[in-house]
Amino acid sequence: MNKTSIFLILFTFALGMLSSCSKSSQESEFKEFEINCNDGTVRTGAIYLPKGVKPSDKLPVIFMADGLVFKETKFKEMMDSLIDYGCISPVVVACSYENKVQIQGYNLAYRNAEYVEALAKNDNTLAKLFDNHYKYFINQFIPYVDKHAPVSQSKQDRIFFGTSNSADFGITLSFRDQKLFKEYWCYSPVYSDIREYEPLSTDISYSICWGAKEEVGMFDYFPNLLKDIRKRGGKVNSWVFSGGHDRDWWRYWFKQELMRRFPYNKSE
């Protein structure tokens, strides 16, 4: 083998390695993590990073409670496709995984007590679980994401997304800590009760939807909830879809909200 042949082989190998590295750096990521909580428990979650993200970026971020929905129903693949085809601009999604284990002595999972303030109002055990999770979400989960992901810390670039019980948690959060998020996407919030809260002191908007086949009555509960939020100064965009309490519908409307909120900008 002559020197020219050896050079061509080495050059081709190096080019292939460079191409491989370049391709790898352009793939999206879904990084799972654990956080040792102040209450002695360990909580898990994940961060979705769109392809091509740089450490110096300050991307908008969606904080998602019930984050296992993202993992289990192909949200990552949907996000990748929307970004690849120029339907939306890049956005980070931070997932806080829910605890589905049943609470001993209760016909409830931990996620029910941790997300739904209304369940905790008359029970000290459930109240403690709600409070521990609330403190974790505010004081540990959000700061972890800010530290480990290239996200903007401006309220204008931060959105809360929750479904079912975690949607209730989002509505409660919007009144208890108004500096965190500009928008709340709350799908099928079935147990919210904000009648004891004072009017909002800052500008917050809500996207709230539910299914016509929900077990909770659309002719009383949901309209009254929207009325309560608007009465307290919240700006609400609401709609009804034809299904029930359904992950597929939530995924579909999450996609629609992504395209509304993060339209692709060719100049980026």
C-alpha atoms as a PDB file:
ATOM      1  CA  MET A   1       0.000   0.000   0.000  1.00  0.00           C
ATOM      2  CA  ASN A   2       1.492   3.342  -1.056  1.00  0.00           C
ATOM      3  CA  LYS A   3       1.585   6.570   0.931  1.00  0.00           C
ATOM      4  CA  THR A   4      -1.245   8.084  -1.113  1.00  0.00           C
ATOM      5  CA  SER A   5      -3.578   5.180  -0.281  1.00  0.00           C
ATOM      6  CA  ILE A   6      -2.710   5.339   3.406  1.00  0.00           C
ATOM      7  CA  PHE A   7      -3.357   9.108   3.419  1.00  0.00           C
ATOM      8  CA  LEU A   8      -6.741   8.653   1.733  1.00  0.00           C
ATOM      9  CA  ILE A   9      -7.760   5.993   4.266  1.00  0.00           C
ATOM     10  CA  LEU A  10      -6.735   8.152   7.217  1.00  0.00           C
ATOM     11  CA  PHE A  11      -8.413  11.205   5.708  1.00  0.00           C
ATOM     12  CA  THR A  12     -11.651   9.288   5.105  1.00  0.00           C
ATOM     13  CA  PHE A  13     -11.564   7.924   8.668  1.00  0.00           C
ATOM     14  CA  ALA A  14     -10.978  11.380  10.137  1.00  0.00           C
ATOM     15  CA  LEU A  15     -13.754  12.866   8.012  1.00  0.00           C
ATOM     16  CA  GLY A  16     -16.118  10.147   9.172  1.00  0.00           C
ATOM     17  CA  MET A  17     -15.250  10.798  12.809  1.00  0.00           C
ATOM     18  CA  LEU A  18     -15.786  14.532  12.331  1.00  0.00           C
ATOM     19  CA  SER A  19     -19.140  13.922  10.657  1.00  0.00           C
ATOM     20  CA  SER A  20     -20.169  11.538  13.423  1.00  0.00           C
ATOM     21  CA  CYS A  21     -19.243  14.012  16.133  1.00  0.00           C
ATOM     22  CA  SER A  22     -21.048  16.820  14.342  1.00  0.00           C
ATOM     23  CA  LYS A  23     -24.173  14.727  13.958  1.00  0.00           C
ATOM     24  CA  SER A  24     -24.080  13.645  17.604  1.00  0.00           C
ATOM     25  CA  SER A  25     -23.861  17.227  18.829  1.00  0.00           C
ATOM     26  CA  GLN A  26     -26.979  18.056  16.865  1.00  0.00           C
ATOM     27  CA  GLU A  27     -29.187  15.418  18.486  1.00  0.00           C
ATOM     28  CA  SER A  28     -31.757  16.396  21.081  1.00  0.00           C
ATOM     29  CA  GLU A  29     -31.320  15.096  24.621  1.00  0.00           C
ATOM     30  CA  PHE A  30     -33.550  13.831  27.384  1.00  0.00           C
ATOM     31  CA  LYS A  31     -31.516  13.860  30.578  1.00  0.00           C
ATOM     32  CA  GLU A  32     -32.988  12.211  33.667  1.00  0.00           C
ATOM     33  CA  PHE A  33     -31.878  13.192  37.165  1.00  0.00           C
ATOM     34  CA  GLU A  34     -32.452  12.644  40.882  1.00  0.00           C
ATOM     35  CA  ILE A  35     -32.723  15.296  43.590  1.00  0.00           C
ATOM     36  CA  ASN A  36     -32.249  14.600  47.299  1.00  0.00           C
ATOM     37  CA  CYS A  37     -35.108  16.546  48.841  1.00  0.00           C
ATOM     38  CA  ASN A  38     -35.077  18.477  52.063  1.00  0.00           C
ATOM     39  CA  ASP A  39     -37.779  16.187  53.488  1.00  0.00           C
ATOM     40  CA  GLY A  40     -35.505  13.134  53.118  1.00  0.00           C
ATOM     41  CA  THR A  41     -37.089  11.714  49.966  1.00  0.00           C
ATOM     42  CA  VAL A  42     -35.547  11.368  46.511  1.00  0.00           C
ATOM     43  CA  ARG A  43     -37.395  12.815  43.542  1.00  0.00           C
ATOM     44  CA  THR A  44     -36.781  12.225  39.881  1.00  0.00           C
ATOM     45  CA  GLY A  45     -37.250  14.187  36.706  1.00  0.00           C
ATOM     46  CA  ALA A  46     -35.758  14.968  33.314  1.00  0.00           C
ATOM     47  CA  ILE A  47     -34.794  17.859  31.058  1.00  0.00           C
ATOM     48  CA  TYR A  48     -35.490  17.893  27.319  1.00  0.00           C
ATOM     49  CA  LEU A  49     -32.886  19.875  25.379  1.00  0.00           C
ATOM     50  CA  PRO A  50     -33.566  20.565  21.686  1.00  0.00           C
ATOM     51  CA  LYS A  51     -30.844  19.733  19.184  1.00  0.00           C
ATOM     52  CA  GLY A  52     -28.147  22.298  18.584  1.00  0.00           C
ATOM     53  CA  VAL A  53     -28.541  23.915  21.992  1.00  0.00           C
ATOM     54  CA  LYS A  54     -25.462  25.723  23.294  1.00  0.00           C
ATOM     55  CA  PRO A  55     -24.437  26.280  26.943  1.00  0.00           C
ATOM     56  CA  SER A  56     -24.633  30.029  26.375  1.00  0.00           C
ATOM     57  CA  ASP A  57     -28.240  29.911  25.148  1.00  0.00           C
ATOM     58  CA  LYS A  58     -31.076  31.381  27.184  1.00  0.00           C
ATOM     59  CA  LEU A  59     -33.998  29.425  25.801  1.00  0.00           C
ATOM     60  CA  PRO A  60     -37.609  29.622  26.929  1.00  0.00           C
ATOM     61  CA  VAL A  61     -38.572  26.772  29.226  1.00  0.00           C
ATOM     62  CA  ILE A  62     -41.732  24.855  30.063  1.00  0.00           C
ATOM     63  CA  PHE A  63     -41.855  23.409  33.575  1.00  0.00           C
ATOM     64  CA  MET A  64     -43.984  20.294  33.431  1.00  0.00           C
ATOM     65  CA  ALA A  65     -45.507  18.592  36.452  1.00  0.00           C
ATOM     66  CA  ASP A  66     -46.742  15.030  35.830  1.00  0.00           C
ATOM     67  CA  GLY A  67     -43.592  14.822  33.725  1.00  0.00           C
ATOM     68  CA  LEU A  68     -43.899  11.088  33.151  1.00  0.00           C
ATOM     69  CA  VAL A  69     -46.527  12.013  30.557  1.00  0.00           C
ATOM     70  CA  PHE A  70     -43.687  13.521  28.493  1.00  0.00           C
ATOM     71  CA  LYS A  71     -41.658  10.319  28.773  1.00  0.00           C
ATOM     72  CA  GLU A  72     -44.452   7.784  28.299  1.00  0.00           C
ATOM     73  CA  THR A  73     -46.433   9.302  25.417  1.00  0.00           C
ATOM     74  CA  LYS A  74     -43.699  10.305  22.933  1.00  0.00           C
ATOM     75  CA  PHE A  75     -43.623  14.029  23.679  1.00  0.00           C
ATOM     76  CA  LYS A  76     -39.883  14.035  22.867  1.00  0.00           C
ATOM     77  CA  GLU A  77     -40.459  12.672  19.388  1.00  0.00           C
ATOM     78  CA  MET A  78     -43.180  15.261  18.842  1.00  0.00           C
ATOM     79  CA  MET A  79     -40.920  18.092  20.002  1.00  0.00           C
ATOM     80  CA  ASP A  80     -38.076  16.878  17.779  1.00  0.00           C
ATOM     81  CA  SER A  81     -40.370  16.757  14.758  1.00  0.00           C
ATOM     82  CA  LEU A  82     -41.839  20.214  15.361  1.00  0.00           C
ATOM     83  CA  ILE A  83     -38.376  21.741  15.680  1.00  0.00           C
ATOM     84  CA  ASP A  84     -36.861  19.768  12.768  1.00  0.00           C
ATOM     85  CA  TYR A  85     -39.611  20.859  10.379  1.00  0.00           C
ATOM     86  CA  GLY A  86     -39.532  24.498  11.483  1.00  0.00           C
ATOM     87  CA  CYS A  87     -42.979  24.444  13.101  1.00  0.00           C
ATOM     88  CA  ILE A  88     -41.659  25.902  16.356  1.00  0.00           C
ATOM     89  CA  SER A  89     -38.498  27.555  17.616  1.00  0.00           C
ATOM     90  CA  PRO A  90     -36.363  25.646  20.167  1.00  0.00           C
ATOM     91  CA  VAL A  91     -37.704  25.371  23.709  1.00  0.00           C
ATOM     92  CA  VAL A  92     -36.560  23.428  26.781  1.00  0.00           C
ATOM     93  CA  VAL A  93     -38.992  21.227  28.734  1.00  0.00           C
ATOM     94  CA  ALA A  94     -38.218  20.435  32.383  1.00  0.00           C
ATOM     95  CA  CYS A  95     -40.164  17.450  33.716  1.00  0.00           C
ATOM     96  CA  SER A  96     -40.873  16.778  37.362  1.00  0.00           C
ATOM     97  CA  TYR A  97     -41.914  13.126  37.654  1.00  0.00           C
ATOM     98  CA  GLU A  98     -45.025  12.364  39.674  1.00  0.00           C
ATOM     99  CA  ASN A  99     -45.194   9.760  42.441  1.00  0.00           C
ATOM    100  CA  LYS A 100     -47.892   7.219  41.572  1.00  0.00           C
ATOM    101  CA  VAL A 101     -47.450   5.095  44.716  1.00  0.00           C
ATOM    102  CA  GLN A 102     -50.548   4.834  46.909  1.00  0.00           C
ATOM    103  CA  ILE A 103     -50.460   6.528  50.309  1.00  0.00           C
ATOM    104  CA  GLN A 104     -50.767   3.992  53.112  1.00  0.00           C
ATOM    105  CA  GLY A 105     -54.202   4.223  54.696  1.00  0.00           C
ATOM    106  CA  TYR A 106     -55.666   6.349  51.897  1.00  0.00           C
ATOM    107  CA  ASN A 107     -57.364   5.598  48.603  1.00  0.00           C
ATOM    108  CA  LEU A 108     -55.052   8.171  47.013  1.00  0.00           C
ATOM    109  CA  ALA A 109     -51.668   8.233  45.298  1.00  0.00           C
ATOM    110  CA  TYR A 110     -48.989  10.608  46.518  1.00  0.00           C
ATOM    111  CA  ARG A 111     -49.438  12.667  43.349  1.00  0.00           C
ATOM    112  CA  ASN A 112     -53.039  13.384  44.358  1.00  0.00           C
ATOM    113  CA  ALA A 113     -52.092  14.796  47.744  1.00  0.00           C
ATOM    114  CA  GLU A 114     -48.978  16.551  46.465  1.00  0.00           C
ATOM    115  CA  TYR A 115     -50.781  18.368  43.653  1.00  0.00           C
ATOM    116  CA  VAL A 116     -54.290  19.063  44.919  1.00  0.00           C
ATOM    117  CA  GLU A 117     -54.473  21.674  47.662  1.00  0.00           C
ATOM    118  CA  ALA A 118     -58.212  21.117  48.110  1.00  0.00           C
ATOM    119  CA  LEU A 119     -57.536  17.572  49.371  1.00  0.00           C
ATOM    120  CA  ALA A 120     -55.070  18.855  51.957  1.00  0.00           C
ATOM    121  CA  LYS A 121     -57.238  21.505  53.592  1.00  0.00           C
ATOM    122  CA  ASN A 122     -58.873  19.237  56.175  1.00  0.00           C
ATOM    123  CA  ASP A 123     -56.217  16.549  56.687  1.00  0.00           C
ATOM    124  CA  ASN A 124     -52.867  17.162  58.385  1.00  0.00           C
ATOM    125  CA  THR A 125     -51.132  14.220  56.715  1.00  0.00           C
ATOM    126  CA  LEU A 126     -52.191  15.282  53.236  1.00  0.00           C
ATOM    127  CA  ALA A 127     -51.414  18.915  54.058  1.00  0.00           C
ATOM    128  CA  LYS A 128     -47.836  17.964  54.932  1.00  0.00           C
ATOM    129  CA  LEU A 129     -47.415  16.024  51.690  1.00  0.00           C
ATOM    130  CA  PHE A 130     -48.717  18.974  49.676  1.00  0.00           C
ATOM    131  CA  ASP A 131     -46.454  21.414  51.501  1.00  0.00           C
ATOM    132  CA  ASN A 132     -43.352  19.222  51.076  1.00  0.00           C
ATOM    133  CA  HIS A 133     -43.950  18.897  47.357  1.00  0.00           C
ATOM    134  CA  TYR A 134     -44.698  22.595  46.967  1.00  0.00           C
ATOM    135  CA  LYS A 135     -41.405  23.496  48.670  1.00  0.00           C
ATOM    136  CA  TYR A 136     -39.532  20.952  46.548  1.00  0.00           C
ATOM    137  CA  PHE A 137     -40.961  22.306  43.306  1.00  0.00           C
ATOM    138  CA  ILE A 138     -40.197  25.937  44.191  1.00  0.00           C
ATOM    139  CA  ASN A 139     -36.960  25.643  46.135  1.00  0.00           C
ATOM    140  CA  GLN A 140     -35.234  22.652  44.534  1.00  0.00           C
ATOM    141  CA  PHE A 141     -36.689  21.563  41.200  1.00  0.00           C
ATOM    142  CA  ILE A 142     -36.818  24.983  39.528  1.00  0.00           C
ATOM    143  CA  PRO A 143     -33.339  26.032  40.789  1.00  0.00           C
ATOM    144  CA  TYR A 144     -31.930  22.682  39.585  1.00  0.00           C
ATOM    145  CA  VAL A 145     -33.229  23.333  36.081  1.00  0.00           C
ATOM    146  CA  ASP A 146     -31.900  26.894  36.111  1.00  0.00           C
ATOM    147  CA  LYS A 147     -28.466  25.578  37.078  1.00  0.00           C
ATOM    148  CA  HIS A 148     -28.245  22.626  34.692  1.00  0.00           C
ATOM    149  CA  ALA A 149     -30.014  23.854  31.555  1.00  0.00           C
ATOM    150  CA  PRO A 150     -29.411  26.857  29.245  1.00  0.00           C
ATOM    151  CA  VAL A 151     -32.732  28.543  30.037  1.00  0.00           C
ATOM    152  CA  SER A 152     -33.946  32.096  30.423  1.00  0.00           C
ATOM    153  CA  GLN A 153     -34.807  33.175  33.950  1.00  0.00           C
ATOM    154  CA  SER A 154     -37.187  35.875  32.785  1.00  0.00           C
ATOM    155  CA  LYS A 155     -40.769  35.284  33.877  1.00  0.00           C
ATOM    156  CA  GLN A 156     -41.864  36.101  30.321  1.00  0.00           C
ATOM    157  CA  ASP A 157     -40.007  33.034  28.995  1.00  0.00           C
ATOM    158  CA  ARG A 158     -41.273  30.533  31.559  1.00  0.00           C
ATOM    159  CA  ILE A 159     -44.435  28.457  31.329  1.00  0.00           C
ATOM    160  CA  PHE A 160     -46.050  25.943  33.669  1.00  0.00           C
ATOM    161  CA  PHE A 161     -47.738  22.917  32.087  1.00  0.00           C
ATOM    162  CA  GLY A 162     -49.856  20.398  33.974  1.00  0.00           C
ATOM    163  CA  THR A 163     -52.629  17.897  33.307  1.00  0.00           C
ATOM    164  CA  SER A 164     -55.365  16.649  35.624  1.00  0.00           C
ATOM    165  CA  ASN A 165     -54.118  16.860  39.245  1.00  0.00           C
ATOM    166  CA  SER A 166     -50.934  18.677  38.208  1.00  0.00           C
ATOM    167  CA  ALA A 167     -53.085  21.234  36.383  1.00  0.00           C
ATOM    168  CA  ASP A 168     -54.740  21.926  39.745  1.00  0.00           C
ATOM    169  CA  PHE A 169     -51.273  22.349  41.239  1.00  0.00           C
ATOM    170  CA  GLY A 170     -50.455  24.908  38.555  1.00  0.00           C
ATOM    171  CA  ILE A 171     -53.541  26.979  39.275  1.00  0.00           C
ATOM    172  CA  THR A 172     -52.740  26.967  42.994  1.00  0.00           C
ATOM    173  CA  LEU A 173     -49.124  27.864  42.250  1.00  0.00           C
ATOM    174  CA  SER A 174     -50.197  30.823  40.134  1.00  0.00           C
ATOM    175  CA  PHE A 175     -51.869  32.431  43.140  1.00  0.00           C
ATOM    176  CA  ARG A 176     -49.354  31.412  45.803  1.00  0.00           C
ATOM    177  CA  ASP A 177     -46.164  32.456  43.992  1.00  0.00           C
ATOM    178  CA  GLN A 178     -46.974  34.955  41.277  1.00  0.00           C
ATOM    179  CA  LYS A 179     -43.402  35.818  40.293  1.00  0.00           C
ATOM    180  CA  LEU A 180     -42.617  32.414  38.759  1.00  0.00           C
ATOM    181  CA  PHE A 181     -44.478  32.052  35.465  1.00  0.00           C
ATOM    182  CA  LYS A 182     -46.120  34.293  32.909  1.00  0.00           C
ATOM    183  CA  GLU A 183     -48.342  31.524  31.512  1.00  0.00           C
ATOM    184  CA  TYR A 184     -50.071  28.447  32.879  1.00  0.00           C
ATOM    185  CA  TRP A 185     -51.236  25.687  30.528  1.00  0.00           C
ATOM    186  CA  CYS A 186     -53.639  23.670  32.682  1.00  0.00           C
ATOM    187  CA  TYR A 187     -55.498  20.830  30.994  1.00  0.00           C
ATOM    188  CA  SER A 188     -58.445  19.148  32.712  1.00  0.00           C
ATOM    189  CA  PRO A 189     -57.904  20.594  36.224  1.00  0.00           C
ATOM    190  CA  VAL A 190     -60.517  18.636  38.122  1.00  0.00           C
ATOM    191  CA  TYR A 191     -60.256  19.715  41.763  1.00  0.00           C
ATOM    192  CA  SER A 192     -59.218  23.387  41.847  1.00  0.00           C
ATOM    193  CA  ASP A 193     -60.703  25.662  44.493  1.00  0.00           C
ATOM    194  CA  ILE A 194     -59.298  29.207  44.616  1.00  0.00           C
ATOM    195  CA  ARG A 195     -62.194  30.962  46.349  1.00  0.00           C
ATOM    196  CA  GLU A 196     -60.038  31.877  49.353  1.00  0.00           C
ATOM    197  CA  TYR A 197     -57.341  33.578  47.268  1.00  0.00           C
ATOM    198  CA  GLU A 198     -57.044  37.319  46.828  1.00  0.00           C
ATOM    199  CA  PRO A 199     -56.898  38.947  43.354  1.00  0.00           C
ATOM    200  CA  LEU A 200     -53.689  38.582  41.385  1.00  0.00           C
ATOM    201  CA  SER A 201     -51.232  41.440  41.742  1.00  0.00           C
ATOM    202  CA  THR A 202     -49.432  40.718  38.466  1.00  0.00           C
ATOM    203  CA  ASP A 203     -50.230  39.836  34.866  1.00  0.00           C
ATOM    204  CA  ILE A 204     -50.790  36.080  34.462  1.00  0.00           C
ATOM    205  CA  SER A 205     -52.509  34.252  31.610  1.00  0.00           C
ATOM    206  CA  TYR A 206     -54.041  30.786  31.532  1.00  0.00           C
ATOM    207  CA  SER A 207     -54.765  28.282  28.780  1.00  0.00           C
ATOM    208  CA  ILE A 208     -57.364  25.906  30.202  1.00  0.00           C
ATOM    209  CA  CYS A 209     -59.122  23.126  28.319  1.00  0.00           C
ATOM    210  CA  TRP A 210     -61.150  20.069  29.192  1.00  0.00           C
ATOM    211  CA  GLY A 211     -63.062  17.289  27.489  1.00  0.00           C
ATOM    212  CA  ALA A 212     -66.775  17.233  26.876  1.00  0.00           C
ATOM    213  CA  LYS A 213     -66.758  13.704  28.314  1.00  0.00           C
ATOM    214  CA  GLU A 214     -64.984  14.568  31.585  1.00  0.00           C
ATOM    215  CA  GLU A 215     -66.525  13.065  34.708  1.00  0.00           C
ATOM    216  CA  VAL A 216     -66.546  16.544  36.276  1.00  0.00           C
ATOM    217  CA  GLY A 217     -69.496  18.486  34.896  1.00  0.00           C
ATOM    218  CA  MET A 218     -68.553  20.977  32.200  1.00  0.00           C
ATOM    219  CA  PHE A 219     -71.772  22.882  32.812  1.00  0.00           C
ATOM    220  CA  ASP A 220     -70.905  23.859  36.388  1.00  0.00           C
ATOM    221  CA  TYR A 221     -67.394  23.125  37.669  1.00  0.00           C
ATOM    222  CA  PHE A 222     -65.292  24.341  34.741  1.00  0.00           C
ATOM    223  CA  PRO A 223     -67.280  27.514  33.970  1.00  0.00           C
ATOM    224  CA  ASN A 224     -67.231  28.413  37.669  1.00  0.00           C
ATOM    225  CA  LEU A 225     -63.458  27.861  37.835  1.00  0.00           C
ATOM    226  CA  LEU A 226     -62.890  30.159  34.851  1.00  0.00           C
ATOM    227  CA  LYS A 227     -65.174  32.740  36.428  1.00  0.00           C
ATOM    228  CA  ASP A 228     -63.208  32.582  39.704  1.00  0.00           C
ATOM    229  CA  ILE A 229     -59.874  33.050  37.900  1.00  0.00           C
ATOM    230  CA  ARG A 230     -61.123  35.961  35.798  1.00  0.00           C
ATOM    231  CA  LYS A 231     -62.697  37.561  38.849  1.00  0.00           C
ATOM    232  CA  ARG A 232     -59.225  37.611  40.410  1.00  0.00           C
ATOM    233  CA  GLY A 233     -57.592  39.231  37.390  1.00  0.00           C
ATOM    234  CA  GLY A 234     -56.392  36.220  35.425  1.00  0.00           C
ATOM    235  CA  LYS A 235     -56.547  36.291  31.617  1.00  0.00           C
ATOM    236  CA  VAL A 236     -58.074  33.008  30.509  1.00  0.00           C
ATOM    237  CA  ASN A 237     -58.163  31.364  27.095  1.00  0.00           C
ATOM    238  CA  SER A 238     -60.366  28.275  27.327  1.00  0.00           C
ATOM    239  CA  TRP A 239     -61.781  25.620  25.025  1.00  0.00           C
ATOM    240  CA  VAL A 240     -63.542  22.270  25.134  1.00  0.00           C
ATOM    241  CA  PHE A 241     -62.376  19.234  23.142  1.00  0.00           C
ATOM    242  CA  SER A 242     -64.544  16.284  22.201  1.00  0.00           C
ATOM    243  CA  GLY A 243     -62.805  13.604  24.286  1.00  0.00           C
ATOM    244  CA  GLY A 244     -62.531  12.836  27.971  1.00  0.00           C
ATOM    245  CA  HIS A 245     -59.766  12.782  30.595  1.00  0.00           C
ATOM    246  CA  ASP A 246     -57.291  11.658  27.972  1.00  0.00           C
ATOM    247  CA  ARG A 247     -53.496  11.913  27.487  1.00  0.00           C
ATOM    248  CA  ASP A 248     -53.784  11.811  23.696  1.00  0.00           C
ATOM    249  CA  TRP A 249     -55.962  14.910  23.716  1.00  0.00           C
ATOM    250  CA  TRP A 250     -53.632  16.689  26.134  1.00  0.00           C
ATOM    251  CA  ARG A 251     -50.687  15.875  23.878  1.00  0.00           C
ATOM    252  CA  TYR A 252     -52.547  17.224  20.861  1.00  0.00           C
ATOM    253  CA  TRP A 253     -53.384  20.535  22.558  1.00  0.00           C
ATOM    254  CA  PHE A 254     -49.889  20.839  23.979  1.00  0.00           C
ATOM    255  CA  LYS A 255     -48.676  20.723  20.374  1.00  0.00           C
ATOM    256  CA  GLN A 256     -51.160  23.411  19.345  1.00  0.00           C
ATOM    257  CA  GLU A 257     -50.064  25.670  22.197  1.00  0.00           C
ATOM    258  CA  LEU A 258     -46.407  25.161  21.281  1.00  0.00           C
ATOM    259  CA  MET A 259     -47.077  26.363  17.742  1.00  0.00           C
ATOM    260  CA  ARG A 260     -49.042  29.337  19.017  1.00  0.00           C
ATOM    261  CA  ARG A 261     -46.510  30.382  21.620  1.00  0.00           C
ATOM    262  CA  PHE A 262     -43.223  29.554  19.875  1.00  0.00           C
ATOM    263  CA  PRO A 263     -43.651  30.208  16.139  1.00  0.00           C
ATOM    264  CA  TYR A 264     -40.492  29.558  14.131  1.00  0.00           C
ATOM    265  CA  ASN A 265     -38.471  32.677  13.392  1.00  0.00           C
ATOM    266  CA  LYS A 266     -36.320  32.342  10.258  1.00  0.00           C
ATOM    267  CA  SER A 267     -33.993  35.080  11.469  1.00  0.00           C
ATOM    268  CA  GLU A 268     -32.921  32.998  14.476  1.00  0.00           C
END
